Structure formats: structure tokens, C-alpha cells
Amino acid sequence: MVNLLPEQEQRIITARYYLHLGAFFFFALGTVLLIGTILLIPSYLTARASADSYERYRDALEGSVGLKERNQAGDTAVRLHELVRIADSYAEGAFTSDLIDALGAKITSGISVTALSFARSEQGAAVVIEGKATSRQKLLAFVEALRESSSFVEVSLPVSQLVAEENAGFSIEALYEKQ
């Protein structure tokens, strides 16, 4: 097939064709981007609401854990107070009461004392403190507080009891010297 249009006209028509084709391409690209953006808005809003919900849930959990730790410290204080009251009812309760008071002053949240045994001597008593700690750091802080106390000397905690990272059982041996 032979094109009878002059060369100049052919170039103008070809240029217009490519110009229209490019304009259509950019129009189609813009339309696709606009529709895609509009369709992504509900997904974005849903994801944002879900993230906010998880954030509120995490904050509530952190608050709950903080309340539990504070409540656990209060429970420990109530138990120790009861032990002191019982120990005070005995004739030699002053020594026992002082020992339990000195120990109670060092217990922090995250430490639960489950057993306390001691053997009295002239200077004081050999004490064994058994219990559970919610974490290794809290157990180490408790042992350090006992070591810094002038009432407890030769505080020892076996290294084998530091293996567990959480919910660590412990048995601490110390000498109690009545001040």
C-alpha cells in the first residue's frame, strides 16, 4: 500500500498519533493511581484502628502487670505482718520479731518468701530464706539489699539458683546479727 500524502503531512500525523498515545497512557496511569489510592484508604484506616487497638491493649497489660506487682508486694507485707504478730505472742518473740522485721524491710515487689528457718546462737542466728523471684534481676537486687544490711552477714546464694531467668526459686543462707 502506497501512502499518497506528502512527507510533511505524514510526519505531522505520526507526531499527533504518538502525542495522543502518550496522553492516553498518562491519563490511564493517573486514573489507575487515583483508583488504587482510593481503594487503599479503607485498608489504611483498618490497619490504623487495629494498631491503636493493640497499643491500648498493650498499655492495659502493662498497667495490669504493674498493679499485680504492687499488689504482690502488699500481700507479702500483710503476710510478714501476720508472722510478726504471731512471733510477738511468744515469750522470746522479740528476737524473732526483730529478725522478721529486718527481713521484711528488704523484701521488694517480685520477691515472695515461702519459708524462713533459723537456728539461734548467742550472737544471732543462722538463717535460711526460701522463696520465689519473678526475675533473676529482682533476686539479685534482694540478695544485694541483704548484703548491704548491717543485720545480715555472710549472705550466700548458690550460683545454680541464678540459672532461671524468670520465676526463679531460691534458698539464701545468711547470719543474722541482732542490732
Protein backbone atom coordinates (compact mmCIF):
# COMPACT_ATOMS: atom_id res chain seq x y z
CA MET A 1 0.00 0.00 0.00
CA VAL A 2 1.33 3.35 -1.01
CA ASN A 3 0.77 6.48 1.06
CA LEU A 4 -0.06 9.36 -1.24
CA LEU A 5 0.20 12.07 1.41
CA PRO A 6 3.18 14.36 1.21
CA GLU A 7 6.13 13.56 3.51
CA GLN A 8 5.48 16.61 5.69
CA GLU A 9 1.83 15.61 6.32
CA GLN A 10 2.89 12.07 7.17
CA ARG A 11 5.27 13.33 9.88
CA ILE A 12 2.60 15.62 11.35
CA ILE A 13 0.05 12.78 11.51
CA THR A 14 2.62 10.39 13.05
CA ALA A 15 3.60 13.02 15.64
CA ARG A 16 -0.07 13.61 16.54
CA TYR A 17 -0.59 9.84 16.82
CA TYR A 18 2.30 9.43 19.29
CA LEU A 19 1.20 12.56 21.18
CA HIS A 20 -2.33 11.16 21.58
CA LEU A 21 -0.94 7.75 22.52
CA GLY A 22 1.31 9.32 25.22
CA ALA A 23 -1.55 11.46 26.54
CA PHE A 24 -3.78 8.38 26.76
CA PHE A 25 -1.01 6.45 28.55
CA PHE A 26 -0.52 9.21 31.18
CA PHE A 27 -4.28 9.61 31.60
CA ALA A 28 -4.64 5.83 32.14
CA LEU A 29 -1.70 5.82 34.58
CA GLY A 30 -3.19 8.71 36.55
CA THR A 31 -6.60 7.03 36.65
CA VAL A 32 -5.08 3.75 37.91
CA LEU A 33 -3.09 5.57 40.62
CA LEU A 34 -6.16 7.52 41.72
CA ILE A 35 -8.34 4.40 41.90
CA GLY A 36 -5.58 2.49 43.72
CA THR A 37 -5.22 5.27 46.28
CA ILE A 38 -8.96 5.41 46.84
CA LEU A 39 -9.11 1.63 47.27
CA LEU A 40 -6.21 1.64 49.78
CA ILE A 41 -7.84 4.20 52.11
CA PRO A 42 -10.14 1.66 53.86
CA SER A 43 -7.21 -0.74 54.34
CA TYR A 44 -5.11 2.05 55.83
CA LEU A 45 -7.90 3.09 58.18
CA THR A 46 -8.47 -0.51 59.28
CA ALA A 47 -4.76 -1.07 59.89
CA ARG A 48 -4.52 2.18 61.85
CA ALA A 49 -7.51 1.26 64.02
CA SER A 50 -6.02 -2.18 64.63
CA ALA A 51 -2.66 -0.67 65.62
CA ASP A 52 -4.39 1.72 68.03
CA SER A 53 -6.36 -1.18 69.50
CA TYR A 54 -3.17 -3.22 70.05
CA GLU A 55 -1.49 -0.20 71.60
CA ARG A 56 -4.36 0.27 74.07
CA TYR A 57 -4.31 -3.48 74.85
CA ARG A 58 -0.54 -3.39 75.48
CA ASP A 59 -0.92 -0.34 77.74
CA ALA A 60 -3.68 -2.08 79.67
CA LEU A 61 -1.49 -5.16 80.10
CA GLU A 62 1.42 -3.07 81.33
CA GLY A 63 -0.87 -1.36 83.81
CA SER A 64 -2.23 -4.73 84.93
CA VAL A 65 1.27 -6.15 85.45
CA GLY A 66 2.27 -3.05 87.42
CA LEU A 67 -0.82 -3.42 89.61
CA LYS A 68 -0.07 -7.10 90.15
CA GLU A 69 3.49 -6.34 91.24
CA ARG A 70 2.28 -3.66 93.65
CA ASN A 71 -0.44 -5.97 94.92
CA GLN A 72 2.09 -8.79 95.38
CA ALA A 73 4.30 -6.50 97.48
CA GLY A 74 1.26 -5.61 99.60
CA ASP A 75 0.39 -9.29 100.06
CA THR A 76 3.95 -10.02 101.18
CA ALA A 77 3.81 -7.16 103.67
CA VAL A 78 0.50 -8.44 105.08
CA ARG A 79 1.90 -11.96 105.46
CA LEU A 80 5.04 -10.68 107.16
CA HIS A 81 2.96 -8.51 109.48
CA GLU A 82 0.93 -11.58 110.44
CA LEU A 83 4.14 -13.55 111.07
CA VAL A 84 5.47 -10.74 113.26
CA ARG A 85 2.21 -10.63 115.22
CA ILE A 86 2.34 -14.37 115.82
CA ALA A 87 6.03 -14.24 116.77
CA ASP A 88 5.38 -11.38 119.21
CA SER A 89 2.93 -13.53 121.11
CA TYR A 90 5.72 -15.85 122.28
CA ALA A 91 7.92 -15.06 125.32
CA GLU A 92 11.11 -14.95 123.23
CA GLY A 93 9.29 -13.28 120.37
CA ALA A 94 11.41 -10.14 120.47
CA PHE A 95 14.29 -11.85 118.71
CA THR A 96 12.02 -13.49 116.13
CA SER A 97 10.10 -10.28 115.62
CA ASP A 98 13.32 -8.32 115.01
CA LEU A 99 14.54 -10.94 112.54
CA ILE A 100 11.28 -10.90 110.57
CA ASP A 101 11.14 -7.09 110.63
CA ALA A 102 14.72 -6.85 109.35
CA LEU A 103 13.92 -9.33 106.58
CA GLY A 104 10.59 -7.66 105.74
CA ALA A 105 12.31 -4.31 105.28
CA LYS A 106 14.43 -5.79 102.47
CA ILE A 107 11.68 -7.58 100.51
CA THR A 108 10.63 -5.79 97.33
CA SER A 109 7.98 -6.48 94.71
CA GLY A 110 8.73 -9.60 92.73
CA ILE A 111 10.09 -11.49 95.77
CA SER A 112 7.90 -13.98 97.63
CA VAL A 113 9.29 -15.59 100.78
CA THR A 114 7.76 -19.05 101.21
CA ALA A 115 9.82 -20.34 104.15
CA LEU A 116 12.05 -18.90 106.86
CA SER A 117 14.05 -21.06 109.21
CA PHE A 118 16.73 -20.14 111.72
CA ALA A 119 18.86 -21.60 114.48
CA ARG A 120 19.62 -19.19 117.32
CA SER A 121 23.02 -18.66 118.88
CA GLU A 122 24.45 -16.16 121.37
CA GLN A 123 25.29 -13.57 118.71
CA GLY A 124 22.29 -14.03 116.44
CA ALA A 125 21.01 -16.80 114.20
CA ALA A 126 21.85 -18.83 111.12
CA VAL A 127 19.01 -18.06 108.74
CA VAL A 128 17.74 -19.84 105.62
CA ILE A 129 15.31 -17.82 103.45
CA GLU A 130 13.41 -19.72 100.75
CA GLY A 131 11.06 -18.34 98.14
CA LYS A 132 10.43 -17.36 94.54
CA ALA A 133 11.53 -14.35 92.50
CA THR A 134 9.73 -13.18 89.36
CA SER A 135 13.07 -12.47 87.66
CA ARG A 136 16.78 -13.00 88.13
CA GLN A 137 17.36 -9.22 88.41
CA LYS A 138 14.90 -8.93 91.29
CA LEU A 139 16.54 -11.87 93.06
CA LEU A 140 19.98 -10.30 92.67
CA ALA A 141 18.64 -6.96 93.95
CA PHE A 142 17.14 -8.71 97.00
CA VAL A 143 20.42 -10.52 97.77
CA GLU A 144 22.35 -7.25 97.37
CA ALA A 145 19.92 -5.48 99.74
CA LEU A 146 20.52 -8.22 102.33
CA ARG A 147 24.30 -7.90 101.90
CA GLU A 148 24.15 -4.13 102.35
CA SER A 149 22.14 -4.54 105.54
CA SER A 150 24.04 -4.41 108.80
CA SER A 151 21.72 -7.09 110.23
CA PHE A 152 22.62 -9.83 107.74
CA VAL A 153 26.21 -11.00 107.21
CA GLU A 154 27.71 -13.79 105.13
CA VAL A 155 24.76 -13.77 102.73
CA SER A 156 25.19 -16.55 100.18
CA LEU A 157 23.14 -17.55 97.18
CA PRO A 158 24.24 -20.62 95.19
CA VAL A 159 25.07 -19.80 91.57
CA SER A 160 22.90 -22.73 90.44
CA GLN A 161 19.83 -20.76 91.53
CA LEU A 162 20.62 -17.98 89.06
CA VAL A 163 20.05 -20.22 86.02
CA ALA A 164 16.34 -19.41 85.60
CA GLU A 165 15.59 -16.04 84.02
CA GLU A 166 12.01 -15.88 85.39
CA ASN A 167 10.13 -17.48 88.31
CA ALA A 168 13.36 -18.50 89.98
CA GLY A 169 13.18 -20.43 93.23
CA PHE A 170 15.85 -19.52 95.77
CA SER A 171 17.34 -20.56 99.07
CA ILE A 172 19.54 -17.88 100.68
CA GLU A 173 21.73 -18.62 103.68
CA ALA A 174 22.85 -15.80 105.97
CA LEU A 175 23.82 -14.97 109.52
CA TYR A 176 21.53 -12.60 111.35
CA GLU A 177 23.08 -10.37 113.98
CA LYS A 178 20.66 -8.57 116.25
CA GLN A 179 21.45 -4.87 116.33
